[in-house]
Amino acid sequence: MDYFLQQLINGVTLGGVYALIALGYTMVYGIIQLINFAHGEFFAAGGYMGVIIISYLAANGVSPVVCIVLGMSLTMVYCAILAMAVEKVAYKPLRNSSRLSVLLSALGMSIFLQNGLMLTQGVYDKPYPTAMTAGGFELGNVMISYMQIYIILITSGLLVALNLLVFKTRIGKAMRATAQDKVMSALVGINSNKIISLTFAIGAGLAAAAGIMVGFYYGSVNYTMGFVPGIKAFAAAVLGGIGNITGAMIGGLIIGMVEIFAAGYLSSEYKDVFAFIILIAVLYFRPTGIMGENVDDTRV
């Protein structure tokens, strides 16, 4: 039972990270029906920008709490601006083109951003100042680190804030209207271009926060770190129902839990395989995902 509880805590921690990344995929798809395969690179860029800002603040005597809060805030803003720039350059000119063209543009932008990180930050891992988040406590034989608590609390706060934004504000209403019908939303005065850019920015900001938390959790970041978590987060978005925010949260938690329990009880060598097994199974048995809607029935 102690081992099960330990794996449960680890799974919730990892699942929260996947949920934050998956939200970017599902929000962008809900607005413009685009799978943004460059989204994982915002996660990696957030990890790098976070360690740069936090290390600089720490070296100048700023307290750890201020370092983390200010570093995460600035990093989220940076990645939001980067995502809006990517949308303007790589996606907006192709908005009326075929989906294959946009998909190829997304793949090309992913390669471009990854190589940009490699050229500017180097090929070696960049260590995080983990001393400011070190430590933990035990509940019986279950070890809970402070960083796991931080990840769960920050993730929960961001997920609640996103739900309030989408379902309780005028901006969220405009986002939902644009996702439902771009033409009619434009007729009532909604600027779809601004809403699309804002959607990219919000998704990238959440991914950036996840990148910083992963950097602290594992102790370092590298320029390839966005690829595998990005694919797993995409699997989580599909599992929950691509385009459904609540579904992306649930899908991320499920993927994280399955990966941790499979690694703990079966084999850690194949832990990355299970997310893709789930993705294939969902596409085969329930293509719309857990909370996805039948698009044809909805339109009828």
Protein backbone atom coordinates (compact mmCIF):
# COMPACT_ATOMS: atom_id res chain seq x y z
CA MET A 1 0.00 0.00 0.00
CA ASP A 2 2.85 2.42 0.78
CA TYR A 3 4.37 1.74 -2.62
CA PHE A 4 0.99 2.26 -4.27
CA LEU A 5 0.49 5.62 -2.51
CA GLN A 6 4.00 6.71 -3.47
CA GLN A 7 3.30 5.92 -7.12
CA LEU A 8 -0.07 7.64 -6.88
CA ILE A 9 1.57 10.88 -5.73
CA ASN A 10 4.19 10.60 -8.47
CA GLY A 11 1.47 9.97 -11.04
CA VAL A 12 -0.61 12.98 -10.00
CA THR A 13 2.51 15.16 -10.15
CA LEU A 14 3.46 14.01 -13.65
CA GLY A 15 -0.14 14.03 -14.83
CA GLY A 16 -0.53 17.65 -13.79
CA VAL A 17 2.42 18.61 -15.98
CA TYR A 18 0.98 16.73 -18.95
CA ALA A 19 -2.39 18.40 -18.36
CA LEU A 20 -0.85 21.89 -18.55
CA ILE A 21 0.84 21.06 -21.85
CA ALA A 22 -2.24 19.29 -23.24
CA LEU A 23 -4.37 22.39 -22.67
CA GLY A 24 -2.36 24.25 -25.31
CA TYR A 25 -3.04 21.55 -27.87
CA THR A 26 -6.74 21.32 -27.13
CA MET A 27 -7.37 25.10 -26.99
CA VAL A 28 -5.68 25.76 -30.33
CA TYR A 29 -7.48 22.84 -31.94
CA GLY A 30 -10.80 24.01 -30.52
CA ILE A 31 -10.34 27.45 -32.10
CA ILE A 32 -8.79 26.74 -35.52
CA GLN A 33 -8.70 22.90 -35.79
CA LEU A 34 -4.89 22.88 -35.85
CA ILE A 35 -2.59 20.38 -34.13
CA ASN A 36 0.25 22.68 -33.11
CA PHE A 37 3.19 20.27 -33.09
CA ALA A 38 5.49 23.18 -32.18
CA HIS A 39 3.74 23.44 -28.82
CA GLY A 40 6.24 21.16 -27.07
CA GLU A 41 9.00 23.61 -27.91
CA PHE A 42 7.25 26.33 -25.88
CA PHE A 43 7.51 23.93 -22.96
CA ALA A 44 11.26 23.57 -23.58
CA ALA A 45 11.72 27.32 -24.13
CA GLY A 46 9.96 27.94 -20.83
CA GLY A 47 12.34 25.59 -19.06
CA TYR A 48 15.37 27.42 -20.44
CA MET A 49 14.08 30.94 -19.90
CA GLY A 50 13.04 29.99 -16.39
CA VAL A 51 16.51 28.80 -15.37
CA ILE A 52 18.11 31.91 -16.90
CA ILE A 53 15.84 34.35 -15.04
CA ILE A 54 15.73 32.44 -11.75
CA SER A 55 19.50 31.90 -11.68
CA TYR A 56 20.09 35.59 -12.37
CA LEU A 57 17.73 36.68 -9.61
CA ALA A 58 19.21 34.19 -7.14
CA ALA A 59 22.74 35.40 -7.93
CA ASN A 60 21.65 38.93 -7.03
CA GLY A 61 20.37 37.96 -3.60
CA VAL A 62 16.64 37.78 -4.32
CA SER A 63 14.70 35.48 -2.01
CA PRO A 64 13.76 32.02 -3.37
CA VAL A 65 10.02 32.70 -3.29
CA VAL A 66 10.37 35.92 -5.27
CA CYS A 67 12.80 34.19 -7.66
CA ILE A 68 10.29 31.47 -8.47
CA VAL A 69 7.20 33.68 -8.68
CA LEU A 70 8.86 36.42 -10.72
CA GLY A 71 10.79 33.94 -12.87
CA MET A 72 7.65 31.95 -13.68
CA SER A 73 5.63 35.10 -14.44
CA LEU A 74 8.26 36.57 -16.78
CA THR A 75 8.80 33.22 -18.46
CA MET A 76 5.09 32.77 -19.13
CA VAL A 77 4.95 36.25 -20.67
CA TYR A 78 8.01 35.51 -22.82
CA CYS A 79 6.59 32.25 -24.15
CA ALA A 80 3.20 33.87 -24.75
CA ILE A 81 4.86 36.52 -26.93
CA LEU A 82 6.90 33.84 -28.69
CA ALA A 83 3.75 31.83 -29.42
CA MET A 84 1.96 34.87 -30.85
CA ALA A 85 4.96 35.55 -33.09
CA VAL A 86 4.96 31.93 -34.29
CA GLU A 87 1.23 32.13 -35.01
CA LYS A 88 1.68 35.29 -37.07
CA VAL A 89 4.61 33.90 -39.05
CA ALA A 90 3.84 30.21 -39.50
CA TYR A 91 0.07 29.77 -39.20
CA LYS A 92 -1.85 32.95 -40.02
CA PRO A 93 -0.66 33.12 -43.69
CA LEU A 94 -1.84 29.51 -44.13
CA ARG A 95 -5.17 29.84 -42.35
CA ASN A 96 -7.15 29.34 -45.56
CA SER A 97 -4.81 26.68 -46.95
CA SER A 98 -5.14 22.92 -46.70
CA ARG A 99 -4.64 21.23 -43.34
CA LEU A 100 -1.62 19.41 -44.72
CA SER A 101 0.12 22.72 -45.43
CA VAL A 102 -0.51 23.96 -41.89
CA LEU A 103 0.63 20.63 -40.43
CA LEU A 104 3.90 20.78 -42.35
CA SER A 105 4.37 24.36 -41.20
CA ALA A 106 3.87 23.25 -37.58
CA LEU A 107 6.43 20.45 -37.93
CA GLY A 108 8.89 22.84 -39.56
CA MET A 109 8.44 25.40 -36.79
CA SER A 110 9.02 22.69 -34.19
CA ILE A 111 12.35 21.79 -35.80
CA PHE A 112 13.26 25.47 -36.15
CA LEU A 113 12.56 26.24 -32.47
CA GLN A 114 14.35 23.13 -31.22
CA ASN A 115 17.46 23.93 -33.23
CA GLY A 116 17.24 27.54 -32.11
CA LEU A 117 17.43 26.34 -28.51
CA MET A 118 20.39 24.12 -29.36
CA LEU A 119 22.32 26.94 -31.06
CA THR A 120 21.62 29.55 -28.37
CA GLN A 121 21.81 27.39 -25.23
CA GLY A 122 24.15 24.59 -26.25
CA VAL A 123 23.75 20.82 -26.41
CA TYR A 124 24.50 20.13 -22.76
CA ASP A 125 21.94 20.05 -19.96
CA LYS A 126 21.48 23.30 -18.05
CA PRO A 127 21.13 22.68 -14.28
CA TYR A 128 18.38 24.26 -12.18
CA PRO A 129 19.05 25.80 -8.73
CA THR A 130 17.16 22.99 -7.00
CA ALA A 131 18.47 23.96 -3.55
CA MET A 132 15.64 26.49 -3.21
CA THR A 133 12.99 23.76 -3.58
CA ALA A 134 14.83 20.85 -1.93
CA GLY A 135 13.44 18.86 0.96
CA GLY A 136 10.23 17.10 1.84
CA PHE A 137 8.55 15.06 4.52
CA GLU A 138 7.31 11.54 5.14
CA LEU A 139 3.82 10.24 5.80
CA GLY A 140 4.52 6.80 7.15
CA ASN A 141 6.74 5.26 4.50
CA VAL A 142 5.54 7.61 1.75
CA MET A 143 7.97 10.38 0.79
CA ILE A 144 6.50 13.65 -0.48
CA SER A 145 8.91 16.30 -1.73
CA TYR A 146 8.18 19.99 -1.46
CA MET A 147 8.52 20.25 -5.23
CA GLN A 148 5.72 17.73 -5.73
CA ILE A 149 3.49 19.83 -3.48
CA TYR A 150 4.45 22.98 -5.40
CA ILE A 151 3.68 21.30 -8.73
CA ILE A 152 0.27 20.07 -7.58
CA LEU A 153 -0.68 23.45 -6.07
CA ILE A 154 0.57 25.56 -8.99
CA THR A 155 -1.01 23.24 -11.54
CA SER A 156 -4.34 23.25 -9.70
CA GLY A 157 -4.27 27.05 -9.46
CA LEU A 158 -3.52 27.48 -13.16
CA LEU A 159 -6.24 25.01 -14.17
CA VAL A 160 -8.82 26.79 -12.00
CA ALA A 161 -7.74 30.19 -13.38
CA LEU A 162 -8.06 28.92 -16.95
CA ASN A 163 -11.55 27.56 -16.34
CA LEU A 164 -12.63 30.86 -14.81
CA LEU A 165 -11.17 32.73 -17.78
CA VAL A 166 -12.86 30.55 -20.38
CA PHE A 167 -16.26 30.14 -18.76
CA LYS A 168 -16.72 33.26 -16.62
CA THR A 169 -15.27 36.20 -18.58
CA ARG A 170 -16.06 38.12 -21.76
CA ILE A 171 -12.76 36.99 -23.28
CA GLY A 172 -13.68 33.38 -22.60
CA LYS A 173 -17.10 33.91 -24.15
CA ALA A 174 -15.41 35.36 -27.24
CA MET A 175 -13.09 32.36 -27.40
CA ARG A 176 -15.99 29.92 -27.20
CA ALA A 177 -17.94 31.88 -29.81
CA THR A 178 -14.97 31.90 -32.19
CA ALA A 179 -14.51 28.15 -31.72
CA GLN A 180 -18.19 27.54 -32.47
CA ASP A 181 -18.56 29.77 -35.55
CA LYS A 182 -15.91 32.22 -36.76
CA VAL A 183 -18.18 33.90 -39.31
CA MET A 184 -21.03 34.61 -36.91
CA SER A 185 -18.65 35.70 -34.15
CA ALA A 186 -17.07 38.20 -36.58
CA LEU A 187 -20.54 39.53 -37.45
CA VAL A 188 -21.18 40.37 -33.80
CA GLY A 189 -17.89 42.27 -33.49
CA ILE A 190 -15.43 39.63 -32.23
CA ASN A 191 -11.93 39.99 -33.68
CA SER A 192 -11.07 36.39 -34.45
CA ASN A 193 -7.41 37.18 -35.20
CA LYS A 194 -6.89 38.60 -31.71
CA ILE A 195 -8.73 35.69 -30.11
CA ILE A 196 -6.61 33.15 -31.99
CA SER A 197 -3.40 34.94 -30.97
CA LEU A 198 -4.60 35.08 -27.36
CA THR A 199 -5.36 31.36 -27.42
CA PHE A 200 -1.82 30.60 -28.60
CA ALA A 201 -0.44 32.89 -25.89
CA ILE A 202 -2.42 31.27 -23.07
CA GLY A 203 -1.48 27.75 -24.15
CA ALA A 204 2.21 28.65 -24.44
CA GLY A 205 2.16 30.36 -21.04
CA LEU A 206 0.80 27.21 -19.39
CA ALA A 207 3.42 25.09 -21.17
CA ALA A 208 6.14 27.48 -19.99
CA ALA A 209 5.01 27.08 -16.37
CA ALA A 210 5.16 23.31 -16.84
CA GLY A 211 8.70 23.62 -18.26
CA ILE A 212 9.92 25.45 -15.15
CA MET A 213 8.33 22.92 -12.81
CA VAL A 214 9.85 20.02 -14.72
CA GLY A 215 13.23 21.74 -14.59
CA PHE A 216 13.04 22.01 -10.80
CA TYR A 217 11.63 18.50 -10.45
CA TYR A 218 14.31 16.74 -12.51
CA GLY A 219 17.11 19.23 -11.84
CA SER A 220 17.96 20.25 -15.41
CA VAL A 221 16.66 21.04 -18.88
CA ASN A 222 17.88 20.28 -22.39
CA TYR A 223 16.95 21.42 -25.87
CA THR A 224 15.16 18.16 -26.78
CA MET A 225 12.99 18.06 -23.68
CA GLY A 226 9.89 19.31 -25.48
CA PHE A 227 9.46 16.48 -27.96
CA VAL A 228 8.44 13.43 -25.88
CA PRO A 229 6.34 15.33 -23.30
CA GLY A 230 4.71 17.19 -26.18
CA ILE A 231 3.68 13.95 -27.87
CA LYS A 232 2.41 12.53 -24.57
CA ALA A 233 0.44 15.70 -23.92
CA PHE A 234 -1.04 15.40 -27.41
CA ALA A 235 -2.06 11.84 -26.51
CA ALA A 236 -3.63 13.22 -23.33
CA ALA A 237 -5.59 15.81 -25.34
CA VAL A 238 -6.86 13.11 -27.71
CA LEU A 239 -7.71 10.84 -24.78
CA GLY A 240 -9.75 13.54 -23.06
CA GLY A 241 -11.39 14.72 -26.27
CA ILE A 242 -9.43 17.12 -28.46
CA GLY A 243 -10.92 20.59 -28.13
CA ASN A 244 -12.36 19.93 -24.65
CA ILE A 245 -10.54 21.74 -21.82
CA THR A 246 -11.84 19.52 -19.01
CA GLY A 247 -11.05 16.47 -21.11
CA ALA A 248 -7.44 17.62 -21.56
CA MET A 249 -7.05 17.92 -17.78
CA ILE A 250 -8.47 14.46 -17.20
CA GLY A 251 -6.45 12.98 -20.08
CA GLY A 252 -3.21 14.45 -18.72
CA LEU A 253 -3.82 12.95 -15.29
CA ILE A 254 -4.65 9.56 -16.80
CA ILE A 255 -1.54 9.52 -18.99
CA GLY A 256 0.66 10.51 -16.05
CA MET A 257 -0.86 7.89 -13.75
CA VAL A 258 -0.64 5.12 -16.35
CA GLU A 259 2.99 5.95 -17.13
CA ILE A 260 4.06 5.97 -13.47
CA PHE A 261 2.16 2.82 -12.49
CA ALA A 262 3.31 0.96 -15.58
CA ALA A 263 6.91 1.93 -14.87
CA GLY A 264 6.56 0.97 -11.22
CA TYR A 265 4.75 -2.34 -11.62
CA LEU A 266 5.78 -3.52 -15.09
CA SER A 267 8.96 -2.05 -16.60
CA SER A 268 10.51 1.40 -16.47
CA GLU A 269 12.30 0.71 -19.77
CA TYR A 270 9.02 0.90 -21.65
CA LYS A 271 7.34 3.70 -19.70
CA ASP A 272 7.25 5.98 -22.76
CA VAL A 273 5.43 3.33 -24.77
CA PHE A 274 2.27 3.22 -22.69
CA ALA A 275 1.12 6.72 -23.63
CA PHE A 276 1.21 5.75 -27.29
CA ILE A 277 -0.59 2.47 -26.60
CA ILE A 278 -3.37 4.49 -24.98
CA LEU A 279 -3.41 6.90 -27.93
CA ILE A 280 -3.80 4.06 -30.44
CA ALA A 281 -6.51 2.40 -28.33
CA VAL A 282 -8.48 5.64 -27.99
CA LEU A 283 -8.26 6.37 -31.72
CA TYR A 284 -9.48 2.85 -32.45
CA PHE A 285 -12.28 2.44 -29.89
CA ARG A 286 -13.36 6.03 -29.17
CA PRO A 287 -11.91 8.56 -31.64
CA THR A 288 -13.74 11.47 -29.99
CA GLY A 289 -12.07 10.82 -26.62
CA ILE A 290 -13.55 10.55 -23.15
CA MET A 291 -15.38 13.89 -23.21
CA GLY A 292 -15.34 14.60 -26.93
CA GLU A 293 -18.52 15.33 -28.84
CA ASN A 294 -19.81 13.75 -32.00
CA VAL A 295 -19.25 16.66 -34.38
CA ASP A 296 -21.71 15.52 -37.02
CA ASP A 297 -24.55 15.07 -34.52
CA THR A 298 -23.79 18.43 -32.95
CA ARG A 299 -23.94 20.23 -36.28
CA VAL A 300 -27.16 18.46 -37.27
